[in-house]
Amino acid sequence: MISERRRKIIRGTVLFIALGFLLLTLAVNFLPVNILDTDFSKEIQEHQNPLLDVSMEFISWFGYFPGSVIIVIVAAAVFFFFKYKREALFVLITSLSGLITTIIKVIVERPRPTDQLVRVVRKVSQQSFPSGHVLFYVVFFGFLILLMYQLKSIPKWIRATVSVISAGLILTIPISRVYLGAHWFTDVVGGFLMGLICLYVQSYFYEKYSVGKSKE
């Protein structure tokens, strides 16, 4: 159980993150193209080769359709099969991050990076801010890490493997999106911040529901 003092610290941190996301949203709304983003993209794309292209595409694959749908359904099915029904349900709920991303994208309407400004490896049609890939990875893979920490009945080597892979994807997806020319630096930062907020909400209700079930 988390102490009340720790809960207050977490809530304060989440509010600070929410404020940061709001300020970032206002900034990209007024300056959709800025020197920070273009310079960062040039730095990331400075070293290019076909192998790196393939590697970055692979990292991003889990966030494209149908990859994102497949991994959510497979993960939920595995938890359900091993009698973790509550966990399976909450894993499915992580897919709602796509709806949140779409709503924010429509409101902000920030254009994607263009060929005139950066190297675009893979063109996408939706608006740019925030990065849906980053948001989804933080929520889905972040929640998997939380579950691996909570579910001590799962063999330690499985929990460690899932946690390391999930953390690796969370840390590399921002670089992947910028390298592929699909997003600006501020897009991936926005996706990361909103992802943390969504992950907190998801984790809060998971813990609350778990406590409720344990008292029955």
C-alpha atoms as a PDB file:
ATOM      1  CA  MET A   1       0.000   0.000   0.000  1.00  0.00           C
ATOM      2  CA  ILE A   2       1.121   3.555  -0.725  1.00  0.00           C
ATOM      3  CA  SER A   3       1.306   5.933   2.247  1.00  0.00           C
ATOM      4  CA  GLU A   4      -0.805   9.084   2.272  1.00  0.00           C
ATOM      5  CA  ARG A   5       2.322  11.267   2.173  1.00  0.00           C
ATOM      6  CA  ARG A   6       3.551   9.465  -0.926  1.00  0.00           C
ATOM      7  CA  ARG A   7       0.121   9.806  -2.541  1.00  0.00           C
ATOM      8  CA  LYS A   8       0.250  13.578  -2.053  1.00  0.00           C
ATOM      9  CA  ILE A   9       3.717  13.747  -3.619  1.00  0.00           C
ATOM     10  CA  ILE A  10       2.533  11.717  -6.616  1.00  0.00           C
ATOM     11  CA  ARG A  11      -0.575  13.860  -7.063  1.00  0.00           C
ATOM     12  CA  GLY A  12       1.485  17.038  -6.851  1.00  0.00           C
ATOM     13  CA  THR A  13       3.889  15.661  -9.461  1.00  0.00           C
ATOM     14  CA  VAL A  14       1.015  14.747 -11.782  1.00  0.00           C
ATOM     15  CA  LEU A  15      -0.459  18.250 -11.442  1.00  0.00           C
ATOM     16  CA  PHE A  16       2.962  19.706 -12.283  1.00  0.00           C
ATOM     17  CA  ILE A  17       3.156  17.435 -15.359  1.00  0.00           C
ATOM     18  CA  ALA A  18      -0.360  18.483 -16.388  1.00  0.00           C
ATOM     19  CA  LEU A  19       0.639  22.151 -16.134  1.00  0.00           C
ATOM     20  CA  GLY A  20       3.729  21.441 -18.220  1.00  0.00           C
ATOM     21  CA  PHE A  21       1.626  19.731 -20.872  1.00  0.00           C
ATOM     22  CA  LEU A  22      -0.797  22.659 -20.964  1.00  0.00           C
ATOM     23  CA  LEU A  23       2.020  25.195 -21.381  1.00  0.00           C
ATOM     24  CA  LEU A  24       3.641  23.051 -24.077  1.00  0.00           C
ATOM     25  CA  THR A  25       0.327  22.782 -25.921  1.00  0.00           C
ATOM     26  CA  LEU A  26      -0.044  26.562 -25.914  1.00  0.00           C
ATOM     27  CA  ALA A  27       3.550  26.973 -27.105  1.00  0.00           C
ATOM     28  CA  VAL A  28       3.210  24.651 -30.116  1.00  0.00           C
ATOM     29  CA  ASN A  29      -0.146  26.217 -30.939  1.00  0.00           C
ATOM     30  CA  PHE A  30       1.469  29.650 -31.287  1.00  0.00           C
ATOM     31  CA  LEU A  31       4.774  28.368 -32.743  1.00  0.00           C
ATOM     32  CA  PRO A  32       4.035  25.190 -34.731  1.00  0.00           C
ATOM     33  CA  VAL A  33       7.509  25.360 -36.317  1.00  0.00           C
ATOM     34  CA  ASN A  34      10.396  26.557 -34.171  1.00  0.00           C
ATOM     35  CA  ILE A  35      14.184  26.378 -34.089  1.00  0.00           C
ATOM     36  CA  LEU A  36      14.249  23.977 -31.107  1.00  0.00           C
ATOM     37  CA  ASP A  37      12.314  21.337 -33.039  1.00  0.00           C
ATOM     38  CA  THR A  38      14.131  21.741 -36.339  1.00  0.00           C
ATOM     39  CA  ASP A  39      17.590  21.708 -34.724  1.00  0.00           C
ATOM     40  CA  PHE A  40      16.745  18.626 -32.658  1.00  0.00           C
ATOM     41  CA  SER A  41      15.487  16.779 -35.754  1.00  0.00           C
ATOM     42  CA  LYS A  42      18.683  17.635 -37.632  1.00  0.00           C
ATOM     43  CA  GLU A  43      20.791  16.285 -34.781  1.00  0.00           C
ATOM     44  CA  ILE A  44      18.823  13.027 -34.590  1.00  0.00           C
ATOM     45  CA  GLN A  45      18.800  12.545 -38.375  1.00  0.00           C
ATOM     46  CA  GLU A  46      22.460  13.464 -38.825  1.00  0.00           C
ATOM     47  CA  HIS A  47      23.592   9.824 -38.888  1.00  0.00           C
ATOM     48  CA  GLN A  48      21.450   7.848 -41.339  1.00  0.00           C
ATOM     49  CA  ASN A  49      21.767   4.361 -42.768  1.00  0.00           C
ATOM     50  CA  PRO A  50      19.372   1.644 -44.015  1.00  0.00           C
ATOM     51  CA  LEU A  51      19.893  -0.552 -40.927  1.00  0.00           C
ATOM     52  CA  LEU A  52      19.016   2.320 -38.618  1.00  0.00           C
ATOM     53  CA  ASP A  53      15.938   3.051 -40.747  1.00  0.00           C
ATOM     54  CA  VAL A  54      14.752  -0.537 -40.303  1.00  0.00           C
ATOM     55  CA  SER A  55      15.511  -0.496 -36.571  1.00  0.00           C
ATOM     56  CA  MET A  56      13.564   2.718 -36.020  1.00  0.00           C
ATOM     57  CA  GLU A  57      10.661   1.400 -38.092  1.00  0.00           C
ATOM     58  CA  PHE A  58      10.608  -1.752 -35.963  1.00  0.00           C
ATOM     59  CA  ILE A  59      10.516   0.250 -32.731  1.00  0.00           C
ATOM     60  CA  SER A  60       7.558   2.244 -34.063  1.00  0.00           C
ATOM     61  CA  TRP A  61       5.705  -0.811 -35.439  1.00  0.00           C
ATOM     62  CA  PHE A  62       3.953  -1.509 -32.130  1.00  0.00           C
ATOM     63  CA  GLY A  63       2.218   1.867 -32.301  1.00  0.00           C
ATOM     64  CA  TYR A  64       0.832   1.566 -35.837  1.00  0.00           C
ATOM     65  CA  PHE A  65      -2.397  -0.192 -36.738  1.00  0.00           C
ATOM     66  CA  PRO A  66      -2.719  -3.172 -36.570  1.00  0.00           C
ATOM     67  CA  GLY A  67       0.387  -3.582 -34.395  1.00  0.00           C
ATOM     68  CA  SER A  68      -1.060  -1.637 -31.459  1.00  0.00           C
ATOM     69  CA  VAL A  69      -4.322  -3.594 -31.559  1.00  0.00           C
ATOM     70  CA  ILE A  70      -2.495  -6.923 -31.787  1.00  0.00           C
ATOM     71  CA  ILE A  71      -0.216  -6.370 -28.782  1.00  0.00           C
ATOM     72  CA  VAL A  72      -3.070  -5.088 -26.589  1.00  0.00           C
ATOM     73  CA  ILE A  73      -5.303  -8.054 -27.429  1.00  0.00           C
ATOM     74  CA  VAL A  74      -2.480 -10.590 -27.087  1.00  0.00           C
ATOM     75  CA  ALA A  75      -1.333  -9.163 -23.744  1.00  0.00           C
ATOM     76  CA  ALA A  76      -4.902  -9.070 -22.404  1.00  0.00           C
ATOM     77  CA  ALA A  77      -5.509 -12.643 -23.618  1.00  0.00           C
ATOM     78  CA  VAL A  78      -2.362 -13.903 -21.859  1.00  0.00           C
ATOM     79  CA  PHE A  79      -3.386 -12.306 -18.557  1.00  0.00           C
ATOM     80  CA  PHE A  80      -6.926 -13.659 -18.933  1.00  0.00           C
ATOM     81  CA  PHE A  81      -5.657 -17.163 -19.756  1.00  0.00           C
ATOM     82  CA  PHE A  82      -3.582 -17.240 -16.560  1.00  0.00           C
ATOM     83  CA  LYS A  83      -6.584 -16.084 -14.474  1.00  0.00           C
ATOM     84  CA  TYR A  84      -5.546 -12.436 -14.154  1.00  0.00           C
ATOM     85  CA  LYS A  85      -8.947 -11.215 -15.316  1.00  0.00           C
ATOM     86  CA  ARG A  86      -8.783  -7.794 -13.693  1.00  0.00           C
ATOM     87  CA  GLU A  87      -5.369  -7.154 -15.217  1.00  0.00           C
ATOM     88  CA  ALA A  88      -6.636  -8.269 -18.633  1.00  0.00           C
ATOM     89  CA  LEU A  89      -9.447  -5.715 -18.447  1.00  0.00           C
ATOM     90  CA  PHE A  90      -7.118  -2.858 -17.530  1.00  0.00           C
ATOM     91  CA  VAL A  91      -4.699  -3.825 -20.295  1.00  0.00           C
ATOM     92  CA  LEU A  92      -7.585  -3.485 -22.761  1.00  0.00           C
ATOM     93  CA  ILE A  93      -8.395  -0.067 -21.306  1.00  0.00           C
ATOM     94  CA  THR A  94      -4.931   1.196 -22.317  1.00  0.00           C
ATOM     95  CA  SER A  95      -6.219   1.263 -25.911  1.00  0.00           C
ATOM     96  CA  LEU A  96      -8.298   4.324 -24.971  1.00  0.00           C
ATOM     97  CA  SER A  97      -5.076   6.317 -25.214  1.00  0.00           C
ATOM     98  CA  GLY A  98      -5.687   6.403 -28.966  1.00  0.00           C
ATOM     99  CA  LEU A  99      -8.966   8.257 -28.443  1.00  0.00           C
ATOM    100  CA  ILE A 100      -7.302  10.773 -26.133  1.00  0.00           C
ATOM    101  CA  THR A 101      -4.554  11.364 -28.707  1.00  0.00           C
ATOM    102  CA  THR A 102      -7.060  11.909 -31.505  1.00  0.00           C
ATOM    103  CA  ILE A 103      -9.072  14.444 -29.501  1.00  0.00           C
ATOM    104  CA  ILE A 104      -5.993  16.519 -28.638  1.00  0.00           C
ATOM    105  CA  LYS A 105      -4.670  16.328 -32.207  1.00  0.00           C
ATOM    106  CA  VAL A 106      -7.967  17.647 -33.574  1.00  0.00           C
ATOM    107  CA  ILE A 107      -7.988  20.518 -31.065  1.00  0.00           C
ATOM    108  CA  VAL A 108      -4.363  21.594 -31.617  1.00  0.00           C
ATOM    109  CA  GLU A 109      -4.164  20.803 -35.380  1.00  0.00           C
ATOM    110  CA  ARG A 110      -0.388  21.004 -35.599  1.00  0.00           C
ATOM    111  CA  PRO A 111       1.001  20.033 -39.041  1.00  0.00           C
ATOM    112  CA  ARG A 112       3.460  17.150 -39.419  1.00  0.00           C
ATOM    113  CA  PRO A 113       7.116  17.801 -40.298  1.00  0.00           C
ATOM    114  CA  THR A 114       7.545  18.239 -44.061  1.00  0.00           C
ATOM    115  CA  ASP A 115      10.182  17.156 -46.570  1.00  0.00           C
ATOM    116  CA  GLN A 116      11.287  20.778 -46.865  1.00  0.00           C
ATOM    117  CA  LEU A 117      12.334  20.853 -43.191  1.00  0.00           C
ATOM    118  CA  VAL A 118      13.366  17.294 -42.287  1.00  0.00           C
ATOM    119  CA  ARG A 119      13.913  13.877 -43.831  1.00  0.00           C
ATOM    120  CA  VAL A 120      10.544  12.103 -43.792  1.00  0.00           C
ATOM    121  CA  VAL A 121      11.072   8.336 -43.880  1.00  0.00           C
ATOM    122  CA  ARG A 122       7.417   7.448 -43.455  1.00  0.00           C
ATOM    123  CA  LYS A 123       4.613   9.879 -44.193  1.00  0.00           C
ATOM    124  CA  VAL A 124       1.532   9.883 -41.955  1.00  0.00           C
ATOM    125  CA  SER A 125      -1.672  11.842 -42.337  1.00  0.00           C
ATOM    126  CA  GLN A 126      -2.899  12.679 -38.834  1.00  0.00           C
ATOM    127  CA  GLN A 127      -1.961  15.875 -37.028  1.00  0.00           C
ATOM    128  CA  SER A 128       1.362  16.011 -35.205  1.00  0.00           C
ATOM    129  CA  PHE A 129       0.812  17.017 -31.561  1.00  0.00           C
ATOM    130  CA  PRO A 130       1.055  15.028 -29.375  1.00  0.00           C
ATOM    131  CA  SER A 131       2.806  11.879 -30.545  1.00  0.00           C
ATOM    132  CA  GLY A 132       0.276   9.057 -30.340  1.00  0.00           C
ATOM    133  CA  HIS A 133       3.045   6.485 -30.443  1.00  0.00           C
ATOM    134  CA  VAL A 134       4.818   7.924 -27.416  1.00  0.00           C
ATOM    135  CA  LEU A 135       1.568   8.371 -25.490  1.00  0.00           C
ATOM    136  CA  PHE A 136       0.507   4.773 -26.193  1.00  0.00           C
ATOM    137  CA  TYR A 137       3.902   3.309 -25.324  1.00  0.00           C
ATOM    138  CA  VAL A 138       4.022   5.146 -21.987  1.00  0.00           C
ATOM    139  CA  VAL A 139       0.508   3.994 -21.071  1.00  0.00           C
ATOM    140  CA  PHE A 140       0.614   0.406 -22.375  1.00  0.00           C
ATOM    141  CA  PHE A 141       4.222  -0.581 -21.683  1.00  0.00           C
ATOM    142  CA  GLY A 142       4.308   1.547 -18.535  1.00  0.00           C
ATOM    143  CA  PHE A 143       1.273  -0.322 -17.215  1.00  0.00           C
ATOM    144  CA  LEU A 144       2.946  -3.649 -18.038  1.00  0.00           C
ATOM    145  CA  ILE A 145       5.924  -2.576 -15.918  1.00  0.00           C
ATOM    146  CA  LEU A 146       3.545  -1.706 -13.073  1.00  0.00           C
ATOM    147  CA  LEU A 147       1.881  -5.121 -13.336  1.00  0.00           C
ATOM    148  CA  MET A 148       5.231  -6.890 -13.337  1.00  0.00           C
ATOM    149  CA  TYR A 149       6.071  -5.039 -10.116  1.00  0.00           C
ATOM    150  CA  GLN A 150       2.724  -5.852  -8.510  1.00  0.00           C
ATOM    151  CA  LEU A 151       2.205  -9.479  -9.541  1.00  0.00           C
ATOM    152  CA  LYS A 152       4.798 -11.334  -7.468  1.00  0.00           C
ATOM    153  CA  SER A 153       3.201 -14.677  -8.387  1.00  0.00           C
ATOM    154  CA  ILE A 154       4.635 -14.372 -11.900  1.00  0.00           C
ATOM    155  CA  PRO A 155       8.118 -15.925 -12.225  1.00  0.00           C
ATOM    156  CA  LYS A 156      10.849 -13.368 -11.580  1.00  0.00           C
ATOM    157  CA  TRP A 157      12.614 -13.913 -14.921  1.00  0.00           C
ATOM    158  CA  ILE A 158       9.379 -13.193 -16.818  1.00  0.00           C
ATOM    159  CA  ARG A 159       8.740 -10.036 -14.820  1.00  0.00           C
ATOM    160  CA  ALA A 160      12.297  -8.852 -15.389  1.00  0.00           C
ATOM    161  CA  THR A 161      12.228  -9.596 -19.130  1.00  0.00           C
ATOM    162  CA  VAL A 162       8.886  -7.862 -19.714  1.00  0.00           C
ATOM    163  CA  SER A 163       9.986  -4.852 -17.648  1.00  0.00           C
ATOM    164  CA  VAL A 164      13.312  -4.423 -19.475  1.00  0.00           C
ATOM    165  CA  ILE A 165      11.746  -4.738 -22.941  1.00  0.00           C
ATOM    166  CA  SER A 166       8.910  -2.370 -22.021  1.00  0.00           C
ATOM    167  CA  ALA A 167      11.282   0.221 -20.563  1.00  0.00           C
ATOM    168  CA  GLY A 168      13.508  -0.046 -23.631  1.00  0.00           C
ATOM    169  CA  LEU A 169      10.593   0.652 -25.982  1.00  0.00           C
ATOM    170  CA  ILE A 170       9.398   3.590 -23.871  1.00  0.00           C
ATOM    171  CA  LEU A 171      12.868   5.146 -23.921  1.00  0.00           C
ATOM    172  CA  THR A 172      13.540   4.606 -27.639  1.00  0.00           C
ATOM    173  CA  ILE A 173      10.160   5.443 -29.180  1.00  0.00           C
ATOM    174  CA  PRO A 174      10.658   9.254 -28.904  1.00  0.00           C
ATOM    175  CA  ILE A 175      13.940   8.986 -30.838  1.00  0.00           C
ATOM    176  CA  SER A 176      12.303   6.687 -33.385  1.00  0.00           C
ATOM    177  CA  ARG A 177       9.471   9.124 -34.136  1.00  0.00           C
ATOM    178  CA  VAL A 178      11.833  12.081 -34.609  1.00  0.00           C
ATOM    179  CA  TYR A 179      14.329  10.036 -36.655  1.00  0.00           C
ATOM    180  CA  LEU A 180      11.574   8.867 -39.010  1.00  0.00           C
ATOM    181  CA  GLY A 181      10.483  12.478 -39.528  1.00  0.00           C
ATOM    182  CA  ALA A 182       7.009  11.734 -38.194  1.00  0.00           C
ATOM    183  CA  HIS A 183       7.174  14.130 -35.240  1.00  0.00           C
ATOM    184  CA  TRP A 184       8.905  17.124 -33.737  1.00  0.00           C
ATOM    185  CA  PHE A 185      10.757  17.046 -30.426  1.00  0.00           C
ATOM    186  CA  THR A 186       7.901  18.895 -28.699  1.00  0.00           C
ATOM    187  CA  ASP A 187       5.422  16.339 -30.085  1.00  0.00           C
ATOM    188  CA  VAL A 188       7.178  13.443 -28.372  1.00  0.00           C
ATOM    189  CA  VAL A 189       7.597  15.443 -25.153  1.00  0.00           C
ATOM    190  CA  GLY A 190       3.876  16.203 -25.231  1.00  0.00           C
ATOM    191  CA  GLY A 191       3.077  12.539 -25.822  1.00  0.00           C
ATOM    192  CA  PHE A 192       5.317  11.525 -22.929  1.00  0.00           C
ATOM    193  CA  LEU A 193       3.745  14.024 -20.516  1.00  0.00           C
ATOM    194  CA  MET A 194       0.176  13.121 -21.433  1.00  0.00           C
ATOM    195  CA  GLY A 195       1.132   9.451 -21.325  1.00  0.00           C
ATOM    196  CA  LEU A 196       2.319   9.846 -17.729  1.00  0.00           C
ATOM    197  CA  ILE A 197      -0.973  11.525 -16.798  1.00  0.00           C
ATOM    198  CA  CYS A 198      -3.011   8.736 -18.408  1.00  0.00           C
ATOM    199  CA  LEU A 199      -0.807   6.088 -16.800  1.00  0.00           C
ATOM    200  CA  TYR A 200      -1.383   7.666 -13.395  1.00  0.00           C
ATOM    201  CA  VAL A 201      -5.169   7.630 -13.891  1.00  0.00           C
ATOM    202  CA  GLN A 202      -5.027   4.028 -15.102  1.00  0.00           C
ATOM    203  CA  SER A 203      -2.865   2.962 -12.168  1.00  0.00           C
ATOM    204  CA  TYR A 204      -5.068   4.829  -9.679  1.00  0.00           C
ATOM    205  CA  PHE A 205      -8.218   2.998 -10.720  1.00  0.00           C
ATOM    206  CA  TYR A 206      -6.383  -0.324 -10.969  1.00  0.00           C
ATOM    207  CA  GLU A 207      -5.141   0.044  -7.395  1.00  0.00           C
ATOM    208  CA  LYS A 208      -8.527   1.260  -6.165  1.00  0.00           C
ATOM    209  CA  TYR A 209     -10.313  -1.655  -7.817  1.00  0.00           C
ATOM    210  CA  SER A 210      -7.723  -4.101  -6.458  1.00  0.00           C
ATOM    211  CA  VAL A 211      -8.197  -2.829  -2.895  1.00  0.00           C
ATOM    212  CA  GLY A 212     -11.962  -3.065  -3.317  1.00  0.00           C
ATOM    213  CA  LYS A 213     -11.714  -6.669  -4.480  1.00  0.00           C
ATOM    214  CA  SER A 214      -9.363  -7.623  -1.651  1.00  0.00           C
ATOM    215  CA  LYS A 215     -11.924  -6.463   0.932  1.00  0.00           C
ATOM    216  CA  GLU A 216     -14.705  -8.599  -0.503  1.00  0.00           C
END
